[in-house]
Amino acid sequence: VTGASFFVFSGALKSSSGYLAKSSIVEDGVMVQITAESMDSLRQALREMKDFTITCGKVDADDPQEHVHIQWVEDDKNFSKG
């Protein structure tokens, strides 16, 4: 589990790269590189406020290296109050 100040999603990953998706730490945030097709699916999930999972790693790997889970949670109105 990684906490981050921000996330960047880039839809510029080429299908021919051999990766499902790639993630990396950028300063105090996380950058996730995905294919254009995955970006379309992510946009749709965000519009519909649905959870979305991105599997990172090589296409031919037996076990994926990482998962990026985008989850909608209840609004916590007491966060950073004061």
C-alpha atoms as a PDB file:
ATOM      1  CA  VAL A   1       0.000   0.000   0.000  1.00  0.00           C
ATOM      2  CA  THR A   2       1.371   3.396  -1.003  1.00  0.00           C
ATOM      3  CA  GLY A   3       0.030   6.752   0.120  1.00  0.00           C
ATOM      4  CA  ALA A   4       0.578   9.586  -2.307  1.00  0.00           C
ATOM      5  CA  SER A   5      -0.111  13.306  -2.552  1.00  0.00           C
ATOM      6  CA  PHE A   6      -1.123  12.965  -6.193  1.00  0.00           C
ATOM      7  CA  PHE A   7      -1.545  10.483  -9.027  1.00  0.00           C
ATOM      8  CA  VAL A   8      -0.735  10.993 -12.703  1.00  0.00           C
ATOM      9  CA  PHE A   9      -2.306   8.683 -15.271  1.00  0.00           C
ATOM     10  CA  SER A  10      -0.671   8.717 -18.697  1.00  0.00           C
ATOM     11  CA  GLY A  11      -2.360   6.996 -21.631  1.00  0.00           C
ATOM     12  CA  ALA A  12       0.761   7.067 -23.802  1.00  0.00           C
ATOM     13  CA  LEU A  13       2.017   3.499 -23.129  1.00  0.00           C
ATOM     14  CA  LYS A  14       2.253   1.624 -26.431  1.00  0.00           C
ATOM     15  CA  SER A  15       0.751  -1.868 -26.665  1.00  0.00           C
ATOM     16  CA  SER A  16       3.989  -3.012 -28.327  1.00  0.00           C
ATOM     17  CA  SER A  17       6.012  -2.096 -25.192  1.00  0.00           C
ATOM     18  CA  GLY A  18       5.421  -5.514 -23.672  1.00  0.00           C
ATOM     19  CA  TYR A  19       3.835  -4.036 -20.530  1.00  0.00           C
ATOM     20  CA  LEU A  20       0.256  -4.133 -19.298  1.00  0.00           C
ATOM     21  CA  ALA A  21       0.974  -0.919 -17.367  1.00  0.00           C
ATOM     22  CA  LYS A  22       3.900   0.676 -15.527  1.00  0.00           C
ATOM     23  CA  SER A  23       3.922   2.538 -12.234  1.00  0.00           C
ATOM     24  CA  SER A  24       6.631   4.670 -10.663  1.00  0.00           C
ATOM     25  CA  ILE A  25       7.135   6.999  -7.713  1.00  0.00           C
ATOM     26  CA  VAL A  26       7.439  10.653  -8.769  1.00  0.00           C
ATOM     27  CA  GLU A  27       8.451  12.979  -5.913  1.00  0.00           C
ATOM     28  CA  ASP A  28       5.614  12.464  -3.393  1.00  0.00           C
ATOM     29  CA  GLY A  29       3.167  11.044  -5.947  1.00  0.00           C
ATOM     30  CA  VAL A  30       2.656   8.086  -8.239  1.00  0.00           C
ATOM     31  CA  MET A  31       2.670   7.999 -12.042  1.00  0.00           C
ATOM     32  CA  VAL A  32       0.843   5.174 -13.811  1.00  0.00           C
ATOM     33  CA  GLN A  33       1.458   4.651 -17.522  1.00  0.00           C
ATOM     34  CA  ILE A  34      -1.352   2.788 -19.280  1.00  0.00           C
ATOM     35  CA  THR A  35      -2.435   2.119 -22.853  1.00  0.00           C
ATOM     36  CA  ALA A  36      -4.927   4.368 -24.632  1.00  0.00           C
ATOM     37  CA  GLU A  37      -7.537   1.602 -24.376  1.00  0.00           C
ATOM     38  CA  SER A  38      -7.050   1.369 -20.608  1.00  0.00           C
ATOM     39  CA  MET A  39      -7.275   5.158 -20.344  1.00  0.00           C
ATOM     40  CA  ASP A  40     -10.674   5.059 -22.069  1.00  0.00           C
ATOM     41  CA  SER A  41     -11.847   2.420 -19.569  1.00  0.00           C
ATOM     42  CA  LEU A  42     -10.469   4.450 -16.642  1.00  0.00           C
ATOM     43  CA  ARG A  43     -12.258   7.598 -17.814  1.00  0.00           C
ATOM     44  CA  GLN A  44     -15.531   5.695 -18.101  1.00  0.00           C
ATOM     45  CA  ALA A  45     -15.117   4.209 -14.598  1.00  0.00           C
ATOM     46  CA  LEU A  46     -14.421   7.663 -13.143  1.00  0.00           C
ATOM     47  CA  ARG A  47     -17.480   9.154 -14.862  1.00  0.00           C
ATOM     48  CA  GLU A  48     -19.637   6.351 -13.448  1.00  0.00           C
ATOM     49  CA  MET A  49     -17.909   6.542 -10.028  1.00  0.00           C
ATOM     50  CA  LYS A  50     -16.983   2.840 -10.173  1.00  0.00           C
ATOM     51  CA  ASP A  51     -13.919   1.146  -8.703  1.00  0.00           C
ATOM     52  CA  PHE A  52     -11.161   0.350 -11.213  1.00  0.00           C
ATOM     53  CA  THR A  53      -8.055  -1.852 -11.069  1.00  0.00           C
ATOM     54  CA  ILE A  54      -4.930  -1.474 -13.211  1.00  0.00           C
ATOM     55  CA  THR A  55      -2.591  -4.458 -13.381  1.00  0.00           C
ATOM     56  CA  CYS A  56       1.048  -3.433 -13.825  1.00  0.00           C
ATOM     57  CA  GLY A  57       3.903  -5.552 -15.156  1.00  0.00           C
ATOM     58  CA  LYS A  58       5.027  -7.363 -18.265  1.00  0.00           C
ATOM     59  CA  VAL A  59       2.416  -8.929 -20.520  1.00  0.00           C
ATOM     60  CA  ASP A  60       4.091 -12.359 -20.433  1.00  0.00           C
ATOM     61  CA  ALA A  61       4.850 -12.407 -16.672  1.00  0.00           C
ATOM     62  CA  ASP A  62       3.402 -15.278 -14.619  1.00  0.00           C
ATOM     63  CA  ASP A  63       2.545 -13.021 -11.677  1.00  0.00           C
ATOM     64  CA  PRO A  64       1.737  -9.328 -12.086  1.00  0.00           C
ATOM     65  CA  GLN A  65       4.130  -7.120 -10.148  1.00  0.00           C
ATOM     66  CA  GLU A  66       1.640  -4.542  -8.865  1.00  0.00           C
ATOM     67  CA  HIS A  67      -1.997  -3.535  -8.872  1.00  0.00           C
ATOM     68  CA  VAL A  68      -3.298   0.025  -8.748  1.00  0.00           C
ATOM     69  CA  HIS A  69      -6.779   0.034  -7.193  1.00  0.00           C
ATOM     70  CA  ILE A  70      -8.958   3.103  -7.548  1.00  0.00           C
ATOM     71  CA  GLN A  71     -11.721   2.856  -4.966  1.00  0.00           C
ATOM     72  CA  TRP A  72     -14.607   5.176  -4.197  1.00  0.00           C
ATOM     73  CA  VAL A  73     -15.156   5.587  -0.458  1.00  0.00           C
ATOM     74  CA  GLU A  74     -17.584   7.394   1.800  1.00  0.00           C
ATOM     75  CA  ASP A  75     -16.961  11.135   2.105  1.00  0.00           C
ATOM     76  CA  ASP A  76     -15.195  11.900   5.392  1.00  0.00           C
ATOM     77  CA  LYS A  77     -16.237  15.430   6.260  1.00  0.00           C
ATOM     78  CA  ASN A  78     -14.040  15.496   9.410  1.00  0.00           C
ATOM     79  CA  PHE A  79     -10.797  15.267   7.414  1.00  0.00           C
ATOM     80  CA  SER A  80      -8.387  18.211   7.907  1.00  0.00           C
ATOM     81  CA  LYS A  81     -10.946  20.137   9.913  1.00  0.00           C
ATOM     82  CA  GLY A  82      -9.755  23.187  11.766  1.00  0.00           C
END
